[in-house]
Amino acid sequence: MKPYSSLKKTYAITLLLLILCLSMVLSGCGRGGAAAEGSAAKGTLVIAMSAANIPVPDTMPTEGYEGMRFVGYQLYDALVKWDLTQGDKPAELTGGLAESWEHSNSDPTEWTFHLRQGVEFHDGTPFNADSVIFALDRLLKPDSPYYDAKIAGSTGSSLRFIAKYAKADENTVRIYTNGPYSFLLYDLASILIPSPEAVKKYGGDYANHPTGTGPFKFVSMKQGQELVMDKNDKYWGTAPKLERVVLRPISDPSARLAAIQSGEVNWAEIPPTESIEQLKSMGFQVLTNTYPHIWPYVLNTADGPWKDKRVRQAANYAIDREGMSADLLGGASIPATQLMYKGHAWYSSDAEPYAYDPDKAKKLLAEAGYPNGFSTTFLVPTSGSGNMWPVQMNEYVQKDLKAVGIDVKIESIEWQSLLTQYLQGFPKDKEVGAINISLPTIAPNSFPNFFSSAALFPKGLNIGGYSNPELDRILNEAQTSFDAGKRDVLLKQASAIIAEDAPWIFVVHDLNLRVLAPDIHGFVQPQSWFADLTGISIE
């Protein structure tokens, strides 16, 4: 086991914070405002997010996929959505604002979507085909008066396969891809649809008046403090049992722990792992589940040491993932040696295993011309969506890499700033060897989005400059095949190639740790990044 004294210090601080918070509660000096009131009010769910700030509630919320989880998919809907009602297998797509669709047999580029009728936006205006066209224009049509370059920049690469789209009638939309493309539904799952009238009315101030069709309606927002949403009684699906949801950004794990134990919140994302047994003994619900997600380092393979595959493989052999998962993370993660985890349909048993082997790492570095190692800089987040406990985890990795000769300087930046940097690619004015960023692998389009030559920055999210013609061939075959079984076989092959080439340092798959108060009922912990809050009740 690897001792980690900083975690012990963190836990001591946690206990001190808890004592202080309990003292405040007992003395009647708790915080005021909607969140504090909500923690006591039946029907109000108060969530301690790991983000440092409230997600800006536009159709591509800030703060990564935590913003999409707690804001995007609560205020808005897409044409298709993730089915989060079970936790026994990875979530699959089902109908959202489109109740059905078909792919043309005669024209492999044509998709027809049949929209739900009778759906209203939160402002009372009707949802129809014009709403879908408006949402797509806002992202894909620069000459549209309501085109939003910022939102388009965050989502546009997901829609790069759309050639054109058109309204067929009031309740039908057709989308044409620029070739046979079977992953379209997964792309559309993240394209949320706002009220056209609200966007037109509020213009640049729309994010302060977000209006969708989702299960919850926007009430108020104080940046850095809270966002309040009330139930949408007219929701087209099953209306929420909750009356209100309050989001609080609490980036420090110890503070989240104190908040859930004091009753300030009744849902907390990723508390300190050393508190898990204590929380269970106190009656809290401690939930985990496997889900398609990874905590890696995206390597800059364009030049420098990381251009050599042997160096990238060496880094992967240098990391004690088992030790990190068991000792540092207390079982809240499982080791990652490739993009997917064992048991997933796209996991390859033929892939390079990357067992902890410092001697092999040193040998590979010597073969690559770095017998004495080298120095590099990693950009890492201080908190945020899916990053778990990034400070301690990055220090752990830094120590392992140092042991084989790779001297890493850690440059920590706020989560949203790191996301912005990631979307802009690696810095050009300084050496950065890797960016540590938690990433979703929920859909087959994750493979081409992160690793294909067609997605090389600035065209897509392959910011590291990695390219492999054989992988491109396999991914092209996968995304043009409409046979799910064949697609899965091809993606397994892709997994093996990516593991061998090691364009990322694969570290761990987290298990989506969260804690719920004892009186929360009806929540299903899905195998997904996202969460369905509609079935929750507080009794």
Protein backbone atom coordinates (compact mmCIF):
# COMPACT_ATOMS: atom_id res chain seq x y z
CA MET A 1 0.00 0.00 0.00
CA LYS A 2 1.14 3.54 -0.70
CA PRO A 3 0.60 5.88 2.26
CA TYR A 4 -0.88 9.22 1.36
CA SER A 5 -0.53 11.66 4.23
CA SER A 6 -2.37 14.49 2.48
CA LEU A 7 -5.59 12.50 2.58
CA LYS A 8 -5.23 12.02 6.33
CA LYS A 9 -4.77 15.76 6.69
CA THR A 10 -7.85 16.29 4.50
CA TYR A 11 -9.90 14.00 6.72
CA ALA A 12 -8.78 15.83 9.86
CA ILE A 13 -9.85 19.10 8.26
CA THR A 14 -13.14 17.45 7.31
CA LEU A 15 -13.87 16.52 10.92
CA LEU A 16 -13.11 20.05 12.04
CA LEU A 17 -15.43 21.49 9.38
CA LEU A 18 -18.13 19.05 10.39
CA ILE A 19 -17.91 20.08 14.05
CA LEU A 20 -18.14 23.74 13.05
CA CYS A 21 -21.10 23.15 10.73
CA LEU A 22 -22.97 21.10 13.33
CA SER A 23 -22.38 23.84 15.86
CA MET A 24 -23.91 26.35 13.46
CA VAL A 25 -26.93 24.14 12.88
CA LEU A 26 -27.53 23.50 16.57
CA SER A 27 -27.22 27.19 17.39
CA GLY A 28 -29.67 28.16 14.68
CA CYS A 29 -27.03 30.02 12.71
CA GLY A 30 -27.28 28.04 9.50
CA ARG A 31 -27.19 29.72 6.12
CA GLY A 32 -30.26 31.45 4.82
CA GLY A 33 -31.67 31.40 1.30
CA ALA A 34 -33.36 28.82 -0.88
CA ALA A 35 -30.79 26.06 -0.39
CA ALA A 36 -30.86 26.10 3.40
CA GLU A 37 -34.65 26.26 3.37
CA GLY A 38 -34.71 23.47 0.80
CA SER A 39 -32.67 21.09 2.93
CA ALA A 40 -35.48 21.08 5.48
CA ALA A 41 -38.41 21.43 3.09
CA LYS A 42 -39.99 18.20 1.93
CA GLY A 43 -39.95 17.95 -1.83
CA THR A 44 -36.76 19.97 -2.30
CA LEU A 45 -33.57 18.29 -3.46
CA VAL A 46 -30.39 20.24 -2.68
CA ILE A 47 -27.35 19.00 -4.61
CA ALA A 48 -23.71 19.70 -3.75
CA MET A 49 -21.98 19.67 -7.14
CA SER A 50 -18.24 19.18 -7.56
CA ALA A 51 -18.01 22.19 -9.88
CA ALA A 52 -16.58 25.46 -8.62
CA ASN A 53 -19.37 27.50 -10.16
CA ILE A 54 -22.97 27.25 -11.30
CA PRO A 55 -23.23 26.01 -14.91
CA VAL A 56 -24.38 28.73 -17.29
CA PRO A 57 -27.78 27.30 -18.29
CA ASP A 58 -27.71 27.72 -22.06
CA THR A 59 -28.24 24.72 -24.34
CA MET A 60 -24.60 23.71 -23.86
CA PRO A 61 -24.10 24.41 -20.15
CA THR A 62 -20.66 25.25 -18.83
CA GLU A 63 -18.87 23.11 -16.20
CA GLY A 64 -18.58 20.09 -18.47
CA TYR A 65 -20.94 17.16 -18.35
CA GLU A 66 -21.82 17.91 -14.73
CA GLY A 67 -23.49 20.97 -16.19
CA MET A 68 -25.31 18.77 -18.68
CA ARG A 69 -26.26 16.29 -15.94
CA PHE A 70 -27.80 18.73 -13.48
CA VAL A 71 -28.81 21.65 -15.70
CA GLY A 72 -28.95 20.74 -19.39
CA TYR A 73 -31.03 17.60 -19.16
CA GLN A 74 -33.26 19.06 -16.43
CA LEU A 75 -34.23 22.29 -18.24
CA TYR A 76 -34.17 21.00 -21.82
CA ASP A 77 -34.80 18.00 -24.02
CA ALA A 78 -33.17 16.74 -27.20
CA LEU A 79 -34.75 14.79 -30.04
CA VAL A 80 -33.48 11.61 -28.38
CA LYS A 81 -32.50 11.03 -24.77
CA TRP A 82 -30.69 8.54 -22.56
CA ASP A 83 -32.86 5.96 -20.79
CA LEU A 84 -31.71 6.31 -17.18
CA THR A 85 -34.41 4.18 -15.57
CA GLN A 86 -32.20 1.12 -14.94
CA GLY A 87 -28.66 0.53 -13.71
CA ASP A 88 -27.92 -3.00 -14.86
CA LYS A 89 -26.35 -2.10 -18.20
CA PRO A 90 -25.02 1.01 -19.94
CA ALA A 91 -27.78 3.49 -20.75
CA GLU A 92 -29.27 3.34 -24.24
CA LEU A 93 -31.09 5.91 -26.35
CA THR A 94 -34.84 6.30 -26.42
CA GLY A 95 -37.32 8.84 -27.74
CA GLY A 96 -37.12 12.41 -26.51
CA LEU A 97 -38.82 15.25 -28.38
CA ALA A 98 -38.91 12.85 -31.32
CA GLU A 99 -41.23 9.99 -30.47
CA SER A 100 -40.00 7.92 -33.42
CA TRP A 101 -37.64 8.03 -36.39
CA GLU A 102 -36.55 6.00 -39.36
CA HIS A 103 -33.47 5.73 -41.51
CA SER A 104 -34.14 5.53 -45.24
CA ASN A 105 -33.33 2.25 -46.99
CA SER A 106 -33.13 3.93 -50.39
CA ASP A 107 -31.04 6.93 -49.28
CA PRO A 108 -28.55 6.01 -46.51
CA THR A 109 -28.01 9.70 -45.73
CA GLU A 110 -31.67 10.46 -44.90
CA TRP A 111 -33.19 10.33 -41.41
CA THR A 112 -36.82 11.26 -40.68
CA PHE A 113 -37.89 12.31 -37.17
CA HIS A 114 -41.52 12.33 -36.06
CA LEU A 115 -41.99 14.87 -33.28
CA ARG A 116 -44.11 14.65 -30.16
CA GLN A 117 -47.29 16.67 -30.45
CA GLY A 118 -48.78 18.85 -27.75
CA VAL A 119 -45.41 19.65 -26.11
CA GLU A 120 -44.93 23.19 -24.77
CA PHE A 121 -41.86 25.14 -23.78
CA HIS A 122 -41.80 26.55 -20.26
CA ASP A 123 -42.98 29.93 -21.63
CA GLY A 124 -46.13 28.31 -23.04
CA THR A 125 -45.09 28.46 -26.70
CA PRO A 126 -45.51 25.27 -28.76
CA PHE A 127 -42.73 22.87 -29.69
CA ASN A 128 -42.80 21.88 -33.36
CA ALA A 129 -40.60 21.36 -36.41
CA ASP A 130 -39.79 25.07 -36.59
CA SER A 131 -38.27 24.77 -33.10
CA VAL A 132 -35.90 22.03 -34.26
CA ILE A 133 -34.84 23.99 -37.33
CA PHE A 134 -34.27 27.06 -35.16
CA ALA A 135 -32.07 25.07 -32.74
CA LEU A 136 -29.98 23.63 -35.59
CA ASP A 137 -29.66 27.03 -37.28
CA ARG A 138 -28.41 28.45 -34.00
CA LEU A 139 -25.51 25.97 -34.15
CA LEU A 140 -24.88 25.36 -37.84
CA LYS A 141 -25.94 28.43 -39.80
CA PRO A 142 -23.54 31.38 -39.27
CA ASP A 143 -25.76 33.73 -41.29
CA SER A 144 -28.74 33.08 -39.02
CA PRO A 145 -29.58 36.16 -36.90
CA TYR A 146 -29.64 33.89 -33.85
CA TYR A 147 -26.46 31.94 -34.56
CA ASP A 148 -24.44 31.58 -31.35
CA ALA A 149 -20.73 31.14 -32.08
CA LYS A 150 -19.90 30.22 -28.50
CA ILE A 151 -22.50 27.48 -28.23
CA ALA A 152 -21.67 26.32 -31.75
CA GLY A 153 -18.01 26.09 -30.80
CA SER A 154 -18.88 23.77 -27.94
CA THR A 155 -21.21 21.51 -29.91
CA GLY A 156 -20.48 22.06 -33.59
CA SER A 157 -17.96 19.22 -33.92
CA SER A 158 -20.73 16.83 -32.82
CA LEU A 159 -22.72 17.92 -35.86
CA ARG A 160 -19.98 17.89 -38.47
CA PHE A 161 -21.64 14.95 -40.25
CA ILE A 162 -24.89 16.86 -40.89
CA ALA A 163 -25.08 18.06 -44.50
CA LYS A 164 -28.55 19.65 -44.41
CA TYR A 165 -31.89 19.54 -42.64
CA ALA A 166 -35.44 20.57 -43.46
CA LYS A 167 -38.95 20.79 -42.11
CA ALA A 168 -41.17 18.21 -43.82
CA ASP A 169 -44.35 19.33 -42.05
CA GLU A 170 -45.37 20.82 -38.71
CA ASN A 171 -44.39 17.63 -36.83
CA THR A 172 -41.71 16.09 -39.03
CA VAL A 173 -38.06 16.95 -39.63
CA ARG A 174 -35.59 15.37 -42.05
CA ILE A 175 -31.83 15.39 -41.47
CA TYR A 176 -29.32 14.42 -44.14
CA THR A 177 -25.76 13.38 -43.35
CA ASN A 178 -22.80 13.88 -45.67
CA GLY A 179 -22.55 10.13 -46.22
CA PRO A 180 -23.84 6.97 -44.58
CA TYR A 181 -23.48 7.64 -40.85
CA SER A 182 -24.94 5.40 -38.16
CA PHE A 183 -23.89 7.46 -35.11
CA LEU A 184 -26.24 10.41 -35.78
CA LEU A 185 -28.62 9.64 -32.91
CA TYR A 186 -25.76 9.81 -30.41
CA ASP A 187 -24.74 13.20 -31.78
CA LEU A 188 -28.29 14.51 -31.47
CA ALA A 189 -28.61 13.39 -27.84
CA SER A 190 -26.55 16.39 -26.74
CA ILE A 191 -28.29 18.97 -28.96
CA LEU A 192 -30.78 20.58 -26.60
CA ILE A 193 -33.66 22.61 -27.97
CA PRO A 194 -34.54 26.04 -26.54
CA SER A 195 -37.69 28.08 -26.96
CA PRO A 196 -37.19 30.13 -30.15
CA GLU A 197 -39.35 32.91 -28.74
CA ALA A 198 -37.25 33.12 -25.56
CA VAL A 199 -33.99 33.26 -27.52
CA LYS A 200 -35.41 36.01 -29.73
CA LYS A 201 -36.83 37.93 -26.77
CA TYR A 202 -33.76 37.90 -24.54
CA GLY A 203 -30.97 37.80 -27.11
CA GLY A 204 -27.57 37.98 -25.44
CA ASP A 205 -29.21 37.74 -22.03
CA TYR A 206 -30.92 34.43 -22.84
CA ALA A 207 -28.73 32.44 -20.42
CA ASN A 208 -30.37 34.36 -17.57
CA HIS A 209 -33.79 33.28 -18.85
CA PRO A 210 -33.25 29.67 -20.05
CA THR A 211 -36.42 28.14 -21.44
CA GLY A 212 -36.76 24.56 -22.56
CA THR A 213 -39.26 21.70 -22.44
CA GLY A 214 -37.50 19.72 -19.69
CA PRO A 215 -38.88 18.27 -16.45
CA PHE A 216 -37.76 21.32 -14.43
CA LYS A 217 -38.17 25.07 -15.02
CA PHE A 218 -35.64 27.77 -14.28
CA VAL A 219 -36.43 29.97 -11.25
CA SER A 220 -33.28 31.88 -10.30
CA MET A 221 -29.49 31.82 -10.34
CA LYS A 222 -26.72 33.40 -8.28
CA GLN A 223 -23.35 32.67 -9.83
CA GLY A 224 -21.04 30.99 -7.36
CA GLN A 225 -23.91 30.27 -4.99
CA GLU A 226 -26.96 28.45 -6.32
CA LEU A 227 -29.34 27.70 -9.16
CA VAL A 228 -33.00 26.99 -8.40
CA MET A 229 -35.40 24.96 -10.59
CA ASP A 230 -39.04 24.04 -9.97
CA LYS A 231 -40.96 21.09 -11.33
CA ASN A 232 -42.62 21.39 -14.73
CA ASP A 233 -46.20 20.27 -14.08
CA LYS A 234 -46.84 20.22 -17.83
CA TYR A 235 -43.87 18.00 -18.69
CA TRP A 236 -44.65 15.76 -21.66
CA GLY A 237 -43.13 12.76 -19.85
CA THR A 238 -43.64 11.69 -16.27
CA ALA A 239 -43.76 14.86 -14.19
CA PRO A 240 -41.21 15.06 -11.35
CA LYS A 241 -42.25 14.07 -7.84
CA LEU A 242 -39.93 16.72 -6.44
CA GLU A 243 -41.18 20.28 -6.11
CA ARG A 244 -37.78 21.96 -6.38
CA VAL A 245 -34.12 21.29 -7.15
CA VAL A 246 -31.38 23.57 -5.82
CA LEU A 247 -27.82 23.27 -7.12
CA ARG A 248 -24.85 24.40 -5.06
CA PRO A 249 -21.28 24.49 -6.40
CA ILE A 250 -18.96 23.12 -3.70
CA SER A 251 -15.63 22.23 -5.26
CA ASP A 252 -13.92 21.05 -2.06
CA PRO A 253 -14.71 17.39 -1.17
CA SER A 254 -14.40 18.09 2.58
CA ALA A 255 -16.93 20.90 2.31
CA ARG A 256 -19.33 18.64 0.39
CA LEU A 257 -18.97 16.04 3.14
CA ALA A 258 -19.70 18.60 5.84
CA ALA A 259 -22.72 19.85 3.88
CA ILE A 260 -24.33 16.41 3.51
CA GLN A 261 -23.66 15.44 7.13
CA SER A 262 -25.02 18.71 8.51
CA GLY A 263 -28.18 18.55 6.41
CA GLU A 264 -27.34 21.64 4.39
CA VAL A 265 -27.70 19.45 1.27
CA ASN A 266 -29.30 16.06 0.79
CA TRP A 267 -27.26 14.93 -2.23
CA ALA A 268 -23.47 15.23 -2.52
CA GLU A 269 -21.23 14.31 -5.42
CA ILE A 270 -17.94 12.49 -4.71
CA PRO A 271 -17.22 12.98 -1.01
CA PRO A 272 -13.78 12.04 0.36
CA THR A 273 -13.34 8.28 -0.06
CA GLU A 274 -12.10 7.83 3.51
CA SER A 275 -15.55 8.96 4.71
CA ILE A 276 -17.49 6.22 2.91
CA GLU A 277 -17.76 3.73 5.78
CA GLN A 278 -18.64 6.46 8.25
CA LEU A 279 -21.40 7.73 5.95
CA LYS A 280 -22.82 4.23 5.58
CA SER A 281 -22.83 3.74 9.35
CA MET A 282 -24.78 6.99 9.69
CA GLY A 283 -27.49 5.72 7.36
CA PHE A 284 -26.57 7.69 4.24
CA GLN A 285 -26.96 6.04 0.85
CA VAL A 286 -23.52 5.63 -0.73
CA LEU A 287 -23.95 4.83 -4.43
CA THR A 288 -21.51 3.65 -7.08
CA ASN A 289 -21.80 1.96 -10.46
CA THR A 290 -19.64 1.32 -13.48
CA TYR A 291 -20.32 3.64 -16.39
CA PRO A 292 -18.59 4.61 -19.65
CA HIS A 293 -16.17 7.27 -18.49
CA ILE A 294 -12.41 7.60 -18.12
CA TRP A 295 -9.89 9.77 -16.25
CA PRO A 296 -6.90 10.02 -18.64
CA TYR A 297 -4.17 12.35 -19.81
CA VAL A 298 -4.58 13.46 -23.42
CA LEU A 299 -1.02 13.54 -24.77
CA ASN A 300 0.46 16.06 -27.17
CA THR A 301 1.74 13.64 -29.82
CA ALA A 302 2.47 16.34 -32.41
CA ASP A 303 6.10 16.83 -31.37
CA GLY A 304 8.57 16.32 -28.53
CA PRO A 305 9.00 13.12 -26.51
CA TRP A 306 5.31 12.19 -26.65
CA LYS A 307 5.50 11.83 -30.42
CA ASP A 308 7.27 8.49 -29.83
CA LYS A 309 4.91 5.60 -29.09
CA ARG A 310 7.50 3.98 -26.81
CA VAL A 311 7.47 7.04 -24.55
CA ARG A 312 3.67 6.98 -24.40
CA GLN A 313 3.70 3.27 -23.58
CA ALA A 314 6.37 3.84 -20.93
CA ALA A 315 4.16 6.34 -19.15
CA ASN A 316 1.31 3.84 -19.18
CA TYR A 317 3.51 1.13 -17.65
CA ALA A 318 4.78 3.54 -14.98
CA ILE A 319 1.46 4.07 -13.20
CA ASP A 320 0.27 1.93 -10.31
CA ARG A 321 -3.43 1.99 -11.14
CA GLU A 322 -4.29 -0.79 -8.69
CA GLY A 323 -2.64 1.14 -5.88
CA MET A 324 -4.40 4.36 -6.84
CA SER A 325 -7.80 2.67 -7.03
CA ALA A 326 -7.44 0.74 -3.77
CA ASP A 327 -5.32 2.96 -1.55
CA LEU A 328 -5.86 6.52 -2.70
CA LEU A 329 -9.42 6.26 -4.03
CA GLY A 330 -10.77 3.69 -1.58
CA GLY A 331 -12.38 1.52 -4.27
CA ALA A 332 -14.23 4.41 -5.90
CA SER A 333 -12.58 3.62 -9.25
CA ILE A 334 -11.23 0.70 -11.26
CA PRO A 335 -7.95 0.68 -13.21
CA ALA A 336 -8.09 1.82 -16.85
CA THR A 337 -5.68 0.30 -19.36
CA GLN A 338 -7.74 1.16 -22.44
CA LEU A 339 -10.68 3.34 -23.38
CA MET A 340 -13.35 0.97 -22.01
CA TYR A 341 -13.56 -1.25 -18.91
CA LYS A 342 -13.78 -5.04 -18.73
CA GLY A 343 -17.33 -6.24 -19.37
CA HIS A 344 -18.22 -3.43 -21.77
CA ALA A 345 -19.11 -4.41 -25.34
CA TRP A 346 -16.20 -2.36 -26.73
CA TYR A 347 -13.54 -3.64 -24.32
CA SER A 348 -10.79 -5.59 -26.07
CA SER A 349 -9.17 -8.54 -24.29
CA ASP A 350 -6.44 -8.39 -26.94
CA ALA A 351 -5.32 -4.89 -25.97
CA GLU A 352 -1.99 -4.04 -24.34
CA PRO A 353 -2.58 -4.72 -20.59
CA TYR A 354 -0.31 -2.02 -19.09
CA ALA A 355 0.36 -3.72 -15.78
CA TYR A 356 2.41 -1.68 -13.30
CA ASP A 357 5.99 -2.26 -14.50
CA PRO A 358 8.47 0.58 -13.79
CA ASP A 359 11.40 -1.44 -15.14
CA LYS A 360 9.68 -1.91 -18.49
CA ALA A 361 8.85 1.79 -18.53
CA LYS A 362 12.53 2.69 -18.04
CA LYS A 363 13.58 0.26 -20.77
CA LEU A 364 11.12 1.78 -23.25
CA LEU A 365 12.31 5.28 -22.42
CA ALA A 366 15.92 4.24 -23.02
CA GLU A 367 14.99 2.64 -26.36
CA ALA A 368 13.28 5.89 -27.35
CA GLY A 369 16.44 7.88 -26.60
CA TYR A 370 15.56 9.11 -23.11
CA PRO A 371 17.70 6.97 -20.75
CA ASN A 372 17.77 9.85 -18.26
CA GLY A 373 14.14 10.76 -18.79
CA PHE A 374 12.84 14.24 -19.60
CA SER A 375 10.80 17.10 -18.19
CA THR A 376 7.30 18.10 -19.24
CA THR A 377 4.27 20.09 -18.08
CA PHE A 378 0.77 18.74 -17.50
CA LEU A 379 -2.31 21.00 -17.35
CA VAL A 380 -4.71 19.64 -14.73
CA PRO A 381 -8.02 20.74 -13.15
CA THR A 382 -8.48 21.70 -9.52
CA SER A 383 -11.99 20.21 -9.36
CA GLY A 384 -14.96 19.66 -11.65
CA SER A 385 -17.15 17.26 -13.52
CA GLY A 386 -15.95 13.65 -13.30
CA ASN A 387 -12.48 14.60 -12.10
CA MET A 388 -12.96 13.05 -8.63
CA TRP A 389 -10.07 14.27 -6.45
CA PRO A 390 -7.72 15.72 -9.10
CA VAL A 391 -5.10 17.32 -6.84
CA GLN A 392 -4.25 14.13 -4.96
CA MET A 393 -4.62 11.96 -8.07
CA ASN A 394 -2.27 14.11 -10.14
CA GLU A 395 0.30 14.13 -7.36
CA TYR A 396 0.09 10.33 -7.27
CA VAL A 397 0.69 10.07 -11.01
CA GLN A 398 3.44 12.68 -10.82
CA LYS A 399 5.26 10.53 -8.23
CA ASP A 400 4.97 7.36 -10.35
CA LEU A 401 6.25 9.10 -13.50
CA LYS A 402 9.10 10.70 -11.57
CA ALA A 403 10.23 7.25 -10.46
CA VAL A 404 10.91 6.24 -14.09
CA GLY A 405 12.50 9.55 -15.11
CA ILE A 406 9.57 11.61 -16.39
CA ASP A 407 9.65 14.82 -14.39
CA VAL A 408 6.19 16.38 -14.55
CA LYS A 409 5.47 19.97 -13.60
CA ILE A 410 1.81 20.22 -12.62
CA GLU A 411 0.02 23.39 -13.70
CA SER A 412 -3.39 23.48 -12.00
CA ILE A 413 -6.20 25.62 -13.39
CA GLU A 414 -9.89 26.05 -12.67
CA TRP A 415 -12.13 23.48 -14.37
CA GLN A 416 -14.00 25.74 -16.78
CA SER A 417 -10.71 27.38 -17.81
CA LEU A 418 -9.28 23.94 -18.51
CA LEU A 419 -12.33 23.04 -20.61
CA THR A 420 -11.86 26.24 -22.61
CA GLN A 421 -8.19 25.43 -23.15
CA TYR A 422 -9.06 21.89 -24.24
CA LEU A 423 -11.48 23.18 -26.87
CA GLN A 424 -8.74 25.55 -28.10
CA GLY A 425 -6.14 22.78 -28.37
CA PHE A 426 -2.68 22.63 -26.81
CA PRO A 427 -1.06 26.01 -26.08
CA LYS A 428 1.27 27.27 -28.79
CA ASP A 429 3.30 29.59 -26.57
CA LYS A 430 4.67 27.01 -24.13
CA GLU A 431 5.43 23.30 -23.77
CA VAL A 432 2.49 21.26 -22.50
CA GLY A 433 2.84 17.51 -22.79
CA ALA A 434 -0.61 16.51 -21.60
CA ILE A 435 -3.99 17.74 -20.45
CA ASN A 436 -5.71 15.82 -17.65
CA ILE A 437 -9.43 15.86 -18.33
CA SER A 438 -12.22 13.43 -17.48
CA LEU A 439 -14.00 12.33 -20.65
CA PRO A 440 -17.19 10.44 -21.50
CA THR A 441 -17.10 7.24 -23.54
CA ILE A 442 -20.86 6.76 -23.47
CA ALA A 443 -21.39 6.51 -27.22
CA PRO A 444 -19.65 4.95 -30.22
CA ASN A 445 -18.93 8.41 -31.60
CA SER A 446 -16.41 8.82 -28.75
CA PHE A 447 -13.95 6.82 -30.84
CA PRO A 448 -13.92 9.02 -33.97
CA ASN A 449 -14.42 12.22 -31.96
CA PHE A 450 -11.26 11.67 -29.93
CA PHE A 451 -9.02 9.56 -32.19
CA SER A 452 -9.83 9.84 -35.90
CA SER A 453 -7.79 11.87 -38.34
CA ALA A 454 -11.02 13.52 -39.49
CA ALA A 455 -11.41 14.99 -35.98
CA LEU A 456 -7.89 16.42 -35.75
CA PHE A 457 -7.95 19.87 -34.16
CA PRO A 458 -9.32 22.36 -35.18
CA LYS A 459 -11.88 20.23 -37.05
CA GLY A 460 -12.69 18.18 -33.97
CA LEU A 461 -11.68 17.08 -30.48
CA ASN A 462 -8.57 15.09 -31.42
CA ILE A 463 -6.36 17.82 -29.98
CA GLY A 464 -3.30 15.63 -29.42
CA GLY A 465 -2.51 15.19 -33.10
CA TYR A 466 -2.76 11.39 -33.03
CA SER A 467 -3.41 9.64 -36.33
CA ASN A 468 -3.43 6.01 -37.51
CA PRO A 469 -4.67 5.10 -41.02
CA GLU A 470 -5.71 1.58 -39.98
CA LEU A 471 -7.74 2.98 -37.09
CA ASP A 472 -9.34 5.49 -39.47
CA ARG A 473 -10.37 2.65 -41.77
CA ILE A 474 -11.94 0.67 -38.91
CA LEU A 475 -13.75 3.68 -37.49
CA ASN A 476 -15.08 4.65 -40.89
CA GLU A 477 -16.42 1.13 -41.34
CA ALA A 478 -18.00 1.24 -37.87
CA GLN A 479 -19.75 4.58 -38.36
CA THR A 480 -21.12 3.58 -41.78
CA SER A 481 -22.47 0.24 -40.53
CA PHE A 482 -26.04 0.04 -39.30
CA ASP A 483 -25.49 -3.47 -37.86
CA ALA A 484 -24.96 -3.04 -34.09
CA GLY A 485 -23.20 -6.39 -33.75
CA LYS A 486 -20.72 -5.60 -36.49
CA ARG A 487 -20.19 -2.14 -35.05
CA ASP A 488 -19.30 -3.59 -31.64
CA VAL A 489 -16.74 -5.96 -33.17
CA LEU A 490 -15.12 -3.09 -35.04
CA LEU A 491 -14.98 -0.89 -31.94
CA LYS A 492 -13.27 -3.70 -30.03
CA GLN A 493 -10.63 -3.73 -32.75
CA ALA A 494 -10.35 0.03 -32.46
CA SER A 495 -9.89 -0.26 -28.68
CA ALA A 496 -6.93 -2.59 -29.17
CA ILE A 497 -5.23 -0.24 -31.66
CA ILE A 498 -5.74 2.79 -29.43
CA ALA A 499 -4.34 0.95 -26.41
CA GLU A 500 -1.29 -0.16 -28.41
CA ASP A 501 -0.61 3.34 -29.75
CA ALA A 502 -1.30 4.94 -26.36
CA PRO A 503 -2.23 8.49 -27.45
CA TRP A 504 -3.53 8.89 -23.90
CA ILE A 505 -2.24 7.81 -20.52
CA PHE A 506 -5.10 5.62 -19.32
CA VAL A 507 -5.46 5.87 -15.53
CA VAL A 508 -8.83 4.95 -13.98
CA HIS A 509 -12.54 4.61 -14.65
CA ASP A 510 -14.41 6.24 -11.79
CA LEU A 511 -17.53 4.61 -10.34
CA ASN A 512 -19.71 7.74 -10.11
CA LEU A 513 -19.58 7.98 -6.31
CA ARG A 514 -22.33 10.04 -4.70
CA VAL A 515 -24.11 10.20 -1.35
CA LEU A 516 -27.84 10.66 -0.77
CA ALA A 517 -29.64 11.43 2.48
CA PRO A 518 -31.55 8.53 4.06
CA ASP A 519 -34.97 10.04 3.25
CA ILE A 520 -34.40 10.23 -0.51
CA HIS A 521 -36.25 7.50 -2.41
CA GLY A 522 -36.72 6.42 -6.01
CA PHE A 523 -33.35 7.33 -7.51
CA VAL A 524 -31.76 4.80 -9.86
CA GLN A 525 -27.95 4.92 -10.07
CA PRO A 526 -27.53 4.36 -13.83
CA GLN A 527 -24.52 3.21 -15.79
CA SER A 528 -24.33 6.71 -17.21
CA TRP A 529 -22.80 10.10 -16.60
CA PHE A 530 -26.31 11.55 -16.40
CA ALA A 531 -29.10 11.27 -13.83
CA ASP A 532 -32.89 11.11 -13.94
CA LEU A 533 -34.28 13.22 -11.10
CA THR A 534 -37.95 12.81 -11.99
CA GLY A 535 -38.56 9.64 -9.95
CA ILE A 536 -37.07 10.99 -6.72
CA SER A 537 -39.23 11.63 -3.68
CA ILE A 538 -38.29 12.78 -0.18
CA GLU A 539 -40.18 11.02 2.60
